[in-house]
Amino acid sequence: MVRYLFLGLLLAALPLQAQQRPQVLGYGVKGCDHYNLVFEGWENGQGDHIAEYIHYRDWLTGLVTGLSLATGSDVLKGVEIKGAMRRIQVYCDEHPTDDFFTASMDLIRILSGLK
């Protein structure tokens, strides 16, 4: 029960004003438009895009691991990383001006039932 309360509080705190937002580093600050380009290149087997896709994937696995450890639950609810990356691409396709962090947290909110 406490872990769900913690996750709820964490997720509720995310849409704060820009000056109050938690510090996001690395690939989380990159735009959805960039991720869409990388995802398409990854699907087409373009080497430089494959490397970038791996960086995005690694960033997401770090976020998911940290949130899962902090909450004591699987924040992806059994969804494989490849599926999560695809779902984030769909989000980014619909919201190209958002960042990768926002797209990732949208998926986590949906899977946790807190959206």
PDB file of N, CA and C in Angstrom:
ATOM      1  N   MET A   1       0.819  -1.187   0.000  1.00  0.00           N
ATOM      2  CA  MET A   1       0.000   0.000   0.000  1.00  0.00           C
ATOM      3  C   MET A   1       0.865   1.255   0.000  1.00  0.00           C
ATOM      4  N   VAL A   2       1.906   1.275   0.816  1.00  0.00           N
ATOM      5  CA  VAL A   2       2.788   2.431   0.895  1.00  0.00           C
ATOM      6  C   VAL A   2       3.490   2.665  -0.438  1.00  0.00           C
ATOM      7  N   ARG A   3       3.898   1.584  -1.115  1.00  0.00           N
ATOM      8  CA  ARG A   3       4.603   1.755  -2.385  1.00  0.00           C
ATOM      9  C   ARG A   3       3.688   2.363  -3.446  1.00  0.00           C
ATOM     10  N   TYR A   4       2.398   2.023  -3.435  1.00  0.00           N
ATOM     11  CA  TYR A   4       1.471   2.614  -4.398  1.00  0.00           C
ATOM     12  C   TYR A   4       1.226   4.084  -4.086  1.00  0.00           C
ATOM     13  N   LEU A   5       1.186   4.408  -2.810  1.00  0.00           N
ATOM     14  CA  LEU A   5       1.053   5.803  -2.404  1.00  0.00           C
ATOM     15  C   LEU A   5       2.267   6.596  -2.873  1.00  0.00           C
ATOM     16  N   PHE A   6       3.470   6.014  -2.688  1.00  0.00           N
ATOM     17  CA  PHE A   6       4.701   6.667  -3.124  1.00  0.00           C
ATOM     18  C   PHE A   6       4.692   6.887  -4.630  1.00  0.00           C
ATOM     19  N   LEU A   7       4.308   5.860  -5.397  1.00  0.00           N
ATOM     20  CA  LEU A   7       4.252   5.981  -6.852  1.00  0.00           C
ATOM     21  C   LEU A   7       3.235   7.044  -7.254  1.00  0.00           C
ATOM     22  N   GLY A   8       2.097   7.063  -6.607  1.00  0.00           N
ATOM     23  CA  GLY A   8       1.080   8.061  -6.901  1.00  0.00           C
ATOM     24  C   GLY A   8       1.581   9.467  -6.648  1.00  0.00           C
ATOM     25  N   LEU A   9       2.259   9.658  -5.525  1.00  0.00           N
ATOM     26  CA  LEU A   9       2.815  10.966  -5.217  1.00  0.00           C
ATOM     27  C   LEU A   9       3.891  11.372  -6.215  1.00  0.00           C
ATOM     28  N   LEU A  10       4.732  10.413  -6.592  1.00  0.00           N
ATOM     29  CA  LEU A  10       5.781  10.674  -7.567  1.00  0.00           C
ATOM     30  C   LEU A  10       5.185  11.069  -8.907  1.00  0.00           C
ATOM     31  N   LEU A  11       4.216  10.313  -9.369  1.00  0.00           N
ATOM     32  CA  LEU A  11       3.611  10.594 -10.666  1.00  0.00           C
ATOM     33  C   LEU A  11       2.799  11.887 -10.637  1.00  0.00           C
ATOM     34  N   ALA A  12       2.176  12.185  -9.519  1.00  0.00           N
ATOM     35  CA  ALA A  12       1.396  13.419  -9.408  1.00  0.00           C
ATOM     36  C   ALA A  12       2.299  14.646  -9.415  1.00  0.00           C
ATOM     37  N   ALA A  13       3.514  14.501  -8.937  1.00  0.00           N
ATOM     38  CA  ALA A  13       4.438  15.635  -8.855  1.00  0.00           C
ATOM     39  C   ALA A  13       5.071  15.967 -10.197  1.00  0.00           C
ATOM     40  N   LEU A  14       4.983  15.110 -11.173  1.00  0.00           N
ATOM     41  CA  LEU A  14       5.698  15.313 -12.423  1.00  0.00           C
ATOM     42  C   LEU A  14       5.196  16.467 -13.277  1.00  0.00           C
ATOM     43  N   PRO A  15       3.903  16.753 -13.345  1.00  0.00           N
ATOM     44  CA  PRO A  15       3.489  17.843 -14.227  1.00  0.00           C
ATOM     45  C   PRO A  15       3.598  19.239 -13.606  1.00  0.00           C
ATOM     46  N   LEU A  16       4.533  19.460 -12.713  1.00  0.00           N
ATOM     47  CA  LEU A  16       4.715  20.755 -12.078  1.00  0.00           C
ATOM     48  C   LEU A  16       5.216  21.781 -13.090  1.00  0.00           C
ATOM     49  N   GLN A  17       5.171  23.036 -12.728  1.00  0.00           N
ATOM     50  CA  GLN A  17       5.679  24.112 -13.568  1.00  0.00           C
ATOM     51  C   GLN A  17       7.125  23.827 -13.951  1.00  0.00           C
ATOM     52  N   ALA A  18       7.584  24.376 -15.050  1.00  0.00           N
ATOM     53  CA  ALA A  18       8.919  24.094 -15.574  1.00  0.00           C
ATOM     54  C   ALA A  18      10.018  24.350 -14.543  1.00  0.00           C
ATOM     55  N   GLN A  19       9.930  25.445 -13.779  1.00  0.00           N
ATOM     56  CA  GLN A  19      10.981  25.731 -12.811  1.00  0.00           C
ATOM     57  C   GLN A  19      10.936  24.791 -11.609  1.00  0.00           C
ATOM     58  N   GLN A  20       9.854  24.049 -11.425  1.00  0.00           N
ATOM     59  CA  GLN A  20       9.724  23.150 -10.296  1.00  0.00           C
ATOM     60  C   GLN A  20       9.886  21.686 -10.696  1.00  0.00           C
ATOM     61  N   ARG A  21      10.018  21.416 -11.968  1.00  0.00           N
ATOM     62  CA  ARG A  21      10.118  20.032 -12.434  1.00  0.00           C
ATOM     63  C   ARG A  21      11.391  19.396 -11.921  1.00  0.00           C
ATOM     64  N   PRO A  22      11.352  18.082 -11.696  1.00  0.00           N
ATOM     65  CA  PRO A  22      12.580  17.401 -11.296  1.00  0.00           C
ATOM     66  C   PRO A  22      13.608  17.485 -12.420  1.00  0.00           C
ATOM     67  N   GLN A  23      14.844  17.468 -12.044  1.00  0.00           N
ATOM     68  CA  GLN A  23      15.903  17.546 -13.037  1.00  0.00           C
ATOM     69  C   GLN A  23      15.926  16.255 -13.858  1.00  0.00           C
ATOM     70  N   VAL A  24      15.875  16.392 -15.152  1.00  0.00           N
ATOM     71  CA  VAL A  24      15.936  15.259 -16.066  1.00  0.00           C
ATOM     72  C   VAL A  24      17.221  15.391 -16.858  1.00  0.00           C
ATOM     73  N   LEU A  25      17.979  14.318 -16.912  1.00  0.00           N
ATOM     74  CA  LEU A  25      19.262  14.325 -17.608  1.00  0.00           C
ATOM     75  C   LEU A  25      19.265  13.297 -18.732  1.00  0.00           C
ATOM     76  N   GLY A  26      20.241  13.398 -19.581  1.00  0.00           N
ATOM     77  CA  GLY A  26      20.450  12.399 -20.621  1.00  0.00           C
ATOM     78  C   GLY A  26      19.370  12.400 -21.691  1.00  0.00           C
ATOM     79  N   TYR A  27      19.044  11.235 -22.170  1.00  0.00           N
ATOM     80  CA  TYR A  27      18.126  11.097 -23.291  1.00  0.00           C
ATOM     81  C   TYR A  27      16.685  11.472 -22.946  1.00  0.00           C
ATOM     82  N   GLY A  28      16.371  11.624 -21.699  1.00  0.00           N
ATOM     83  CA  GLY A  28      15.035  12.034 -21.307  1.00  0.00           C
ATOM     84  C   GLY A  28      14.682  13.433 -21.780  1.00  0.00           C
ATOM     85  N   VAL A  29      15.674  14.281 -21.970  1.00  0.00           N
ATOM     86  CA  VAL A  29      15.413  15.654 -22.401  1.00  0.00           C
ATOM     87  C   VAL A  29      15.330  15.787 -23.915  1.00  0.00           C
ATOM     88  N   LYS A  30      15.678  14.743 -24.631  1.00  0.00           N
ATOM     89  CA  LYS A  30      15.614  14.807 -26.100  1.00  0.00           C
ATOM     90  C   LYS A  30      14.163  14.790 -26.551  1.00  0.00           C
ATOM     91  N   GLY A  31      13.910  15.455 -27.652  1.00  0.00           N
ATOM     92  CA  GLY A  31      12.557  15.595 -28.150  1.00  0.00           C
ATOM     93  C   GLY A  31      12.015  14.345 -28.826  1.00  0.00           C
ATOM     94  N   CYS A  32      10.691  14.252 -28.795  1.00  0.00           N
ATOM     95  CA  CYS A  32      10.019  13.140 -29.472  1.00  0.00           C
ATOM     96  C   CYS A  32      10.306  13.140 -30.969  1.00  0.00           C
ATOM     97  N   ASP A  33      10.470  14.331 -31.554  1.00  0.00           N
ATOM     98  CA  ASP A  33      10.781  14.377 -32.979  1.00  0.00           C
ATOM     99  C   ASP A  33      12.102  13.668 -33.271  1.00  0.00           C
ATOM    100  N   HIS A  34      13.086  13.839 -32.384  1.00  0.00           N
ATOM    101  CA  HIS A  34      14.365  13.141 -32.547  1.00  0.00           C
ATOM    102  C   HIS A  34      14.186  11.631 -32.352  1.00  0.00           C
ATOM    103  N   TYR A  35      13.424  11.250 -31.329  1.00  0.00           N
ATOM    104  CA  TYR A  35      13.206   9.821 -31.097  1.00  0.00           C
ATOM    105  C   TYR A  35      12.505   9.176 -32.293  1.00  0.00           C
ATOM    106  N   ASN A  36      11.548   9.860 -32.888  1.00  0.00           N
ATOM    107  CA  ASN A  36      10.869   9.312 -34.066  1.00  0.00           C
ATOM    108  C   ASN A  36      11.848   9.056 -35.205  1.00  0.00           C
ATOM    109  N   LEU A  37      12.749   9.996 -35.427  1.00  0.00           N
ATOM    110  CA  LEU A  37      13.770   9.835 -36.460  1.00  0.00           C
ATOM    111  C   LEU A  37      14.660   8.638 -36.162  1.00  0.00           C
ATOM    112  N   VAL A  38      15.089   8.527 -34.918  1.00  0.00           N
ATOM    113  CA  VAL A  38      15.942   7.417 -34.497  1.00  0.00           C
ATOM    114  C   VAL A  38      15.199   6.088 -34.620  1.00  0.00           C
ATOM    115  N   PHE A  39      13.953   6.056 -34.174  1.00  0.00           N
ATOM    116  CA  PHE A  39      13.173   4.819 -34.225  1.00  0.00           C
ATOM    117  C   PHE A  39      13.022   4.332 -35.662  1.00  0.00           C
ATOM    118  N   GLU A  40      12.722   5.258 -36.571  1.00  0.00           N
ATOM    119  CA  GLU A  40      12.576   4.889 -37.980  1.00  0.00           C
ATOM    120  C   GLU A  40      13.894   4.346 -38.542  1.00  0.00           C
ATOM    121  N   GLY A  41      14.997   5.006 -38.212  1.00  0.00           N
ATOM    122  CA  GLY A  41      16.309   4.531 -38.655  1.00  0.00           C
ATOM    123  C   GLY A  41      16.658   3.181 -38.070  1.00  0.00           C
ATOM    124  N   TRP A  42      16.293   2.958 -36.817  1.00  0.00           N
ATOM    125  CA  TRP A  42      16.523   1.658 -36.168  1.00  0.00           C
ATOM    126  C   TRP A  42      15.751   0.562 -36.896  1.00  0.00           C
ATOM    127  N   GLU A  43      14.480   0.848 -37.215  1.00  0.00           N
ATOM    128  CA  GLU A  43      13.672  -0.132 -37.941  1.00  0.00           C
ATOM    129  C   GLU A  43      14.254  -0.454 -39.315  1.00  0.00           C
ATOM    130  N   ASN A  44      14.909   0.522 -39.933  1.00  0.00           N
ATOM    131  CA  ASN A  44      15.487   0.339 -41.260  1.00  0.00           C
ATOM    132  C   ASN A  44      16.932  -0.157 -41.223  1.00  0.00           C
ATOM    133  N   GLY A  45      17.453  -0.414 -40.023  1.00  0.00           N
ATOM    134  CA  GLY A  45      18.792  -0.986 -39.887  1.00  0.00           C
ATOM    135  C   GLY A  45      19.933  -0.019 -40.117  1.00  0.00           C
ATOM    136  N   GLN A  46      19.698   1.266 -39.945  1.00  0.00           N
ATOM    137  CA  GLN A  46      20.748   2.268 -40.123  1.00  0.00           C
ATOM    138  C   GLN A  46      21.625   2.314 -38.877  1.00  0.00           C
ATOM    139  N   GLY A  47      22.910   2.037 -39.059  1.00  0.00           N
ATOM    140  CA  GLY A  47      23.840   1.879 -37.951  1.00  0.00           C
ATOM    141  C   GLY A  47      23.869   3.004 -36.946  1.00  0.00           C
ATOM    142  N   ASP A  48      23.935   4.260 -37.415  1.00  0.00           N
ATOM    143  CA  ASP A  48      24.002   5.378 -36.475  1.00  0.00           C
ATOM    144  C   ASP A  48      22.710   5.505 -35.677  1.00  0.00           C
ATOM    145  N   HIS A  49      21.589   5.178 -36.293  1.00  0.00           N
ATOM    146  CA  HIS A  49      20.305   5.229 -35.587  1.00  0.00           C
ATOM    147  C   HIS A  49      20.155   4.052 -34.620  1.00  0.00           C
ATOM    148  N   ILE A  50      20.738   2.935 -34.966  1.00  0.00           N
ATOM    149  CA  ILE A  50      20.707   1.784 -34.050  1.00  0.00           C
ATOM    150  C   ILE A  50      21.428   2.154 -32.754  1.00  0.00           C
ATOM    151  N   ALA A  51      22.582   2.792 -32.879  1.00  0.00           N
ATOM    152  CA  ALA A  51      23.332   3.198 -31.689  1.00  0.00           C
ATOM    153  C   ALA A  51      22.531   4.184 -30.844  1.00  0.00           C
ATOM    154  N   GLU A  52      21.876   5.152 -31.476  1.00  0.00           N
ATOM    155  CA  GLU A  52      21.056   6.116 -30.749  1.00  0.00           C
ATOM    156  C   GLU A  52      19.864   5.433 -30.079  1.00  0.00           C
ATOM    157  N   TYR A  53      19.250   4.485 -30.787  1.00  0.00           N
ATOM    158  CA  TYR A  53      18.118   3.741 -30.232  1.00  0.00           C
ATOM    159  C   TYR A  53      18.559   3.014 -28.957  1.00  0.00           C
ATOM    160  N   ILE A  54      19.728   2.439 -28.979  1.00  0.00           N
ATOM    161  CA  ILE A  54      20.250   1.732 -27.796  1.00  0.00           C
ATOM    162  C   ILE A  54      20.428   2.702 -26.630  1.00  0.00           C
ATOM    163  N   HIS A  55      20.862   3.925 -26.912  1.00  0.00           N
ATOM    164  CA  HIS A  55      20.992   4.927 -25.838  1.00  0.00           C
ATOM    165  C   HIS A  55      19.621   5.248 -25.230  1.00  0.00           C
ATOM    166  N   TYR A  56      18.622   5.434 -26.090  1.00  0.00           N
ATOM    167  CA  TYR A  56      17.262   5.674 -25.592  1.00  0.00           C
ATOM    168  C   TYR A  56      16.779   4.482 -24.758  1.00  0.00           C
ATOM    169  N   ARG A  57      17.005   3.283 -25.263  1.00  0.00           N
ATOM    170  CA  ARG A  57      16.566   2.069 -24.549  1.00  0.00           C
ATOM    171  C   ARG A  57      17.246   1.968 -23.190  1.00  0.00           C
ATOM    172  N   ASP A  58      18.542   2.232 -23.169  1.00  0.00           N
ATOM    173  CA  ASP A  58      19.274   2.166 -21.904  1.00  0.00           C
ATOM    174  C   ASP A  58      18.782   3.220 -20.916  1.00  0.00           C
ATOM    175  N   TRP A  59      18.476   4.413 -21.414  1.00  0.00           N
ATOM    176  CA  TRP A  59      17.956   5.459 -20.532  1.00  0.00           C
ATOM    177  C   TRP A  59      16.622   5.014 -19.941  1.00  0.00           C
ATOM    178  N   LEU A  60      15.751   4.450 -20.784  1.00  0.00           N
ATOM    179  CA  LEU A  60      14.443   3.986 -20.304  1.00  0.00           C
ATOM    180  C   LEU A  60      14.596   2.866 -19.286  1.00  0.00           C
ATOM    181  N   THR A  61      15.504   1.932 -19.525  1.00  0.00           N
ATOM    182  CA  THR A  61      15.675   0.846 -18.558  1.00  0.00           C
ATOM    183  C   THR A  61      16.176   1.384 -17.219  1.00  0.00           C
ATOM    184  N   GLY A  62      16.994   2.429 -17.242  1.00  0.00           N
ATOM    185  CA  GLY A  62      17.433   3.052 -15.990  1.00  0.00           C
ATOM    186  C   GLY A  62      16.276   3.708 -15.254  1.00  0.00           C
ATOM    187  N   LEU A  63      15.437   4.431 -15.984  1.00  0.00           N
ATOM    188  CA  LEU A  63      14.262   5.055 -15.374  1.00  0.00           C
ATOM    189  C   LEU A  63      13.341   4.006 -14.772  1.00  0.00           C
ATOM    190  N   VAL A  64      13.048   2.977 -15.535  1.00  0.00           N
ATOM    191  CA  VAL A  64      12.140   1.922 -15.086  1.00  0.00           C
ATOM    192  C   VAL A  64      12.724   1.191 -13.875  1.00  0.00           C
ATOM    193  N   THR A  65      14.014   0.904 -13.922  1.00  0.00           N
ATOM    194  CA  THR A  65      14.655   0.226 -12.793  1.00  0.00           C
ATOM    195  C   THR A  65      14.574   1.085 -11.533  1.00  0.00           C
ATOM    196  N   GLY A  66      14.897   2.363 -11.657  1.00  0.00           N
ATOM    197  CA  GLY A  66      14.842   3.252 -10.500  1.00  0.00           C
ATOM    198  C   GLY A  66      13.448   3.365  -9.915  1.00  0.00           C
ATOM    199  N   LEU A  67      12.453   3.551 -10.785  1.00  0.00           N
ATOM    200  CA  LEU A  67      11.074   3.655 -10.288  1.00  0.00           C
ATOM    201  C   LEU A  67      10.592   2.334  -9.693  1.00  0.00           C
ATOM    202  N   SER A  68      10.960   1.237 -10.311  1.00  0.00           N
ATOM    203  CA  SER A  68      10.542  -0.074  -9.790  1.00  0.00           C
ATOM    204  C   SER A  68      11.164  -0.347  -8.429  1.00  0.00           C
ATOM    205  N   LEU A  69      12.434  -0.012  -8.278  1.00  0.00           N
ATOM    206  CA  LEU A  69      13.085  -0.201  -6.980  1.00  0.00           C
ATOM    207  C   LEU A  69      12.495   0.738  -5.932  1.00  0.00           C
ATOM    208  N   ALA A  70      12.213   1.977  -6.325  1.00  0.00           N
ATOM    209  CA  ALA A  70      11.661   2.953  -5.373  1.00  0.00           C
ATOM    210  C   ALA A  70      10.260   2.573  -4.921  1.00  0.00           C
ATOM    211  N   THR A  71       9.479   1.965  -5.811  1.00  0.00           N
ATOM    212  CA  THR A  71       8.094   1.640  -5.477  1.00  0.00           C
ATOM    213  C   THR A  71       7.905   0.199  -5.035  1.00  0.00           C
ATOM    214  N   GLY A  72       8.897  -0.643  -5.297  1.00  0.00           N
ATOM    215  CA  GLY A  72       8.770  -2.056  -4.947  1.00  0.00           C
ATOM    216  C   GLY A  72       7.828  -2.810  -5.867  1.00  0.00           C
ATOM    217  N   SER A  73       7.579  -2.269  -7.059  1.00  0.00           N
ATOM    218  CA  SER A  73       6.703  -2.959  -8.006  1.00  0.00           C
ATOM    219  C   SER A  73       7.215  -2.750  -9.430  1.00  0.00           C
ATOM    220  N   ASP A  74       6.769  -3.594 -10.324  1.00  0.00           N
ATOM    221  CA  ASP A  74       7.144  -3.509 -11.731  1.00  0.00           C
ATOM    222  C   ASP A  74       6.321  -2.403 -12.387  1.00  0.00           C
ATOM    223  N   VAL A  75       6.927  -1.241 -12.634  1.00  0.00           N
ATOM    224  CA  VAL A  75       6.167  -0.125 -13.189  1.00  0.00           C
ATOM    225  C   VAL A  75       5.753  -0.355 -14.642  1.00  0.00           C
ATOM    226  N   LEU A  76       6.371  -1.301 -15.327  1.00  0.00           N
ATOM    227  CA  LEU A  76       5.946  -1.640 -16.689  1.00  0.00           C
ATOM    228  C   LEU A  76       4.939  -2.786 -16.712  1.00  0.00           C
ATOM    229  N   LYS A  77       4.609  -3.300 -15.555  1.00  0.00           N
ATOM    230  CA  LYS A  77       3.581  -4.343 -15.431  1.00  0.00           C
ATOM    231  C   LYS A  77       3.809  -5.504 -16.406  1.00  0.00           C
ATOM    232  N   GLY A  78       5.070  -5.924 -16.537  1.00  0.00           N
ATOM    233  CA  GLY A  78       5.392  -7.076 -17.372  1.00  0.00           C
ATOM    234  C   GLY A  78       5.595  -6.773 -18.843  1.00  0.00           C
ATOM    235  N   VAL A  79       5.419  -5.528 -19.254  1.00  0.00           N
ATOM    236  CA  VAL A  79       5.643  -5.155 -20.653  1.00  0.00           C
ATOM    237  C   VAL A  79       7.149  -5.181 -20.914  1.00  0.00           C
ATOM    238  N   GLU A  80       7.552  -5.835 -21.986  1.00  0.00           N
ATOM    239  CA  GLU A  80       8.972  -5.888 -22.355  1.00  0.00           C
ATOM    240  C   GLU A  80       9.444  -4.511 -22.811  1.00  0.00           C
ATOM    241  N   ILE A  81      10.721  -4.250 -22.676  1.00  0.00           N
ATOM    242  CA  ILE A  81      11.297  -2.957 -23.059  1.00  0.00           C
ATOM    243  C   ILE A  81      11.039  -2.661 -24.538  1.00  0.00           C
ATOM    244  N   LYS A  82      11.160  -3.666 -25.399  1.00  0.00           N
ATOM    245  CA  LYS A  82      10.924  -3.433 -26.827  1.00  0.00           C
ATOM    246  C   LYS A  82       9.489  -2.941 -27.064  1.00  0.00           C
ATOM    247  N   GLY A  83       8.534  -3.520 -26.369  1.00  0.00           N
ATOM    248  CA  GLY A  83       7.148  -3.078 -26.473  1.00  0.00           C
ATOM    249  C   GLY A  83       6.953  -1.684 -25.915  1.00  0.00           C
ATOM    250  N   ALA A  84       7.654  -1.378 -24.825  1.00  0.00           N
ATOM    251  CA  ALA A  84       7.571  -0.044 -24.234  1.00  0.00           C
ATOM    252  C   ALA A  84       8.149   0.995 -25.197  1.00  0.00           C
ATOM    253  N   MET A  85       9.253   0.651 -25.844  1.00  0.00           N
ATOM    254  CA  MET A  85       9.862   1.570 -26.805  1.00  0.00           C
ATOM    255  C   MET A  85       8.917   1.832 -27.975  1.00  0.00           C
ATOM    256  N   ARG A  86       8.222   0.806 -28.409  1.00  0.00           N
ATOM    257  CA  ARG A  86       7.262   0.959 -29.511  1.00  0.00           C
ATOM    258  C   ARG A  86       6.096   1.846 -29.074  1.00  0.00           C
ATOM    259  N   ARG A  87       5.594   1.627 -27.867  1.00  0.00           N
ATOM    260  CA  ARG A  87       4.477   2.434 -27.358  1.00  0.00           C
ATOM    261  C   ARG A  87       4.891   3.900 -27.205  1.00  0.00           C
ATOM    262  N   ILE A  88       6.127   4.120 -26.770  1.00  0.00           N
ATOM    263  CA  ILE A  88       6.636   5.481 -26.654  1.00  0.00           C
ATOM    264  C   ILE A  88       6.735   6.121 -28.039  1.00  0.00           C
ATOM    265  N   GLN A  89       7.111   5.335 -29.047  1.00  0.00           N
ATOM    266  CA  GLN A  89       7.172   5.865 -30.416  1.00  0.00           C
ATOM    267  C   GLN A  89       5.789   6.304 -30.882  1.00  0.00           C
ATOM    268  N   VAL A  90       4.766   5.536 -30.556  1.00  0.00           N
ATOM    269  CA  VAL A  90       3.399   5.909 -30.918  1.00  0.00           C
ATOM    270  C   VAL A  90       3.030   7.233 -30.242  1.00  0.00           C
ATOM    271  N   TYR A  91       3.351   7.347 -28.955  1.00  0.00           N
ATOM    272  CA  TYR A  91       3.094   8.598 -28.238  1.00  0.00           C
ATOM    273  C   TYR A  91       3.827   9.755 -28.913  1.00  0.00           C
ATOM    274  N   CYS A  92       5.103   9.539 -29.213  1.00  0.00           N
ATOM    275  CA  CYS A  92       5.915  10.592 -29.822  1.00  0.00           C
ATOM    276  C   CYS A  92       5.407  10.965 -31.205  1.00  0.00           C
ATOM    277  N   ASP A  93       4.869  10.017 -31.920  1.00  0.00           N
ATOM    278  CA  ASP A  93       4.294  10.305 -33.225  1.00  0.00           C
ATOM    279  C   ASP A  93       3.101  11.254 -33.077  1.00  0.00           C
ATOM    280  N   GLU A  94       2.342  11.070 -31.999  1.00  0.00           N
ATOM    281  CA  GLU A  94       1.169  11.916 -31.737  1.00  0.00           C
ATOM    282  C   GLU A  94       1.526  13.236 -31.044  1.00  0.00           C
ATOM    283  N   HIS A  95       2.690  13.290 -30.383  1.00  0.00           N
ATOM    284  CA  HIS A  95       3.110  14.473 -29.620  1.00  0.00           C
ATOM    285  C   HIS A  95       4.574  14.803 -29.933  1.00  0.00           C
ATOM    286  N   PRO A  96       4.893  15.191 -31.159  1.00  0.00           N
ATOM    287  CA  PRO A  96       6.300  15.374 -31.551  1.00  0.00           C
ATOM    288  C   PRO A  96       7.036  16.495 -30.818  1.00  0.00           C
ATOM    289  N   THR A  97       6.336  17.395 -30.168  1.00  0.00           N
ATOM    290  CA  THR A  97       7.017  18.481 -29.454  1.00  0.00           C
ATOM    291  C   THR A  97       7.295  18.132 -27.988  1.00  0.00           C
ATOM    292  N   ASP A  98       6.787  17.002 -27.511  1.00  0.00           N
ATOM    293  CA  ASP A  98       7.085  16.559 -26.142  1.00  0.00           C
ATOM    294  C   ASP A  98       8.488  15.966 -26.087  1.00  0.00           C
ATOM    295  N   ASP A  99       8.970  15.705 -24.876  1.00  0.00           N
ATOM    296  CA  ASP A  99      10.281  15.074 -24.734  1.00  0.00           C
ATOM    297  C   ASP A  99      10.126  13.587 -24.389  1.00  0.00           C
ATOM    298  N   PHE A 100      11.241  12.880 -24.453  1.00  0.00           N
ATOM    299  CA  PHE A 100      11.234  11.434 -24.232  1.00  0.00           C
ATOM    300  C   PHE A 100      10.818  11.092 -22.806  1.00  0.00           C
ATOM    301  N   PHE A 101      11.189  11.916 -21.834  1.00  0.00           N
ATOM    302  CA  PHE A 101      10.776  11.701 -20.448  1.00  0.00           C
ATOM    303  C   PHE A 101       9.256  11.739 -20.320  1.00  0.00           C
ATOM    304  N   THR A 102       8.636  12.748 -20.898  1.00  0.00           N
ATOM    305  CA  THR A 102       7.181  12.876 -20.831  1.00  0.00           C
ATOM    306  C   THR A 102       6.506  11.676 -21.483  1.00  0.00           C
ATOM    307  N   ALA A 103       7.028  11.249 -22.622  1.00  0.00           N
ATOM    308  CA  ALA A 103       6.473  10.078 -23.311  1.00  0.00           C
ATOM    309  C   ALA A 103       6.626   8.824 -22.453  1.00  0.00           C
ATOM    310  N   SER A 104       7.764   8.672 -21.819  1.00  0.00           N
ATOM    311  CA  SER A 104       8.016   7.507 -20.951  1.00  0.00           C
ATOM    312  C   SER A 104       7.088   7.502 -19.752  1.00  0.00           C
ATOM    313  N   MET A 105       6.916   8.664 -19.129  1.00  0.00           N
ATOM    314  CA  MET A 105       6.061   8.752 -17.953  1.00  0.00           C
ATOM    315  C   MET A 105       4.593   8.557 -18.324  1.00  0.00           C
ATOM    316  N   ASP A 106       4.195   8.959 -19.519  1.00  0.00           N
ATOM    317  CA  ASP A 106       2.823   8.714 -19.957  1.00  0.00           C
ATOM    318  C   ASP A 106       2.545   7.213 -19.990  1.00  0.00           C
ATOM    319  N   LEU A 107       3.475   6.459 -20.535  1.00  0.00           N
ATOM    320  CA  LEU A 107       3.324   4.998 -20.581  1.00  0.00           C
ATOM    321  C   LEU A 107       3.260   4.419 -19.170  1.00  0.00           C
ATOM    322  N   ILE A 108       4.139   4.862 -18.300  1.00  0.00           N
ATOM    323  CA  ILE A 108       4.167   4.342 -16.928  1.00  0.00           C
ATOM    324  C   ILE A 108       2.857   4.685 -16.213  1.00  0.00           C
ATOM    325  N   ARG A 109       2.350   5.875 -16.414  1.00  0.00           N
ATOM    326  CA  ARG A 109       1.064   6.257 -15.812  1.00  0.00           C
ATOM    327  C   ARG A 109      -0.068   5.352 -16.303  1.00  0.00           C
ATOM    328  N   ILE A 110      -0.099   5.108 -17.602  1.00  0.00           N
ATOM    329  CA  ILE A 110      -1.141   4.246 -18.175  1.00  0.00           C
ATOM    330  C   ILE A 110      -1.053   2.838 -17.578  1.00  0.00           C
ATOM    331  N   LEU A 111       0.151   2.298 -17.539  1.00  0.00           N
ATOM    332  CA  LEU A 111       0.303   0.921 -17.034  1.00  0.00           C
ATOM    333  C   LEU A 111       0.012   0.818 -15.549  1.00  0.00           C
ATOM    334  N   SER A 112       0.258   1.887 -14.806  1.00  0.00           N
ATOM    335  CA  SER A 112       0.016   1.848 -13.363  1.00  0.00           C
ATOM    336  C   SER A 112      -1.429   2.191 -13.019  1.00  0.00           C
ATOM    337  N   GLY A 113      -2.208   2.593 -14.027  1.00  0.00           N
ATOM    338  CA  GLY A 113      -3.591   2.934 -13.783  1.00  0.00           C
ATOM    339  C   GLY A 113      -3.782   4.278 -13.124  1.00  0.00           C
ATOM    340  N   LEU A 114      -2.761   5.126 -13.154  1.00  0.00           N
ATOM    341  CA  LEU A 114      -2.827   6.429 -12.481  1.00  0.00           C
ATOM    342  C   LEU A 114      -3.079   7.575 -13.441  1.00  0.00           C
ATOM    343  N   LYS A 115      -3.407   7.300 -14.686  1.00  0.00           N
ATOM    344  CA  LYS A 115      -3.612   8.381 -15.655  1.00  0.00           C
ATOM    345  C   LYS A 115      -4.996   8.953 -15.550  1.00  0.00           C
TER     346      LYS A 115
END
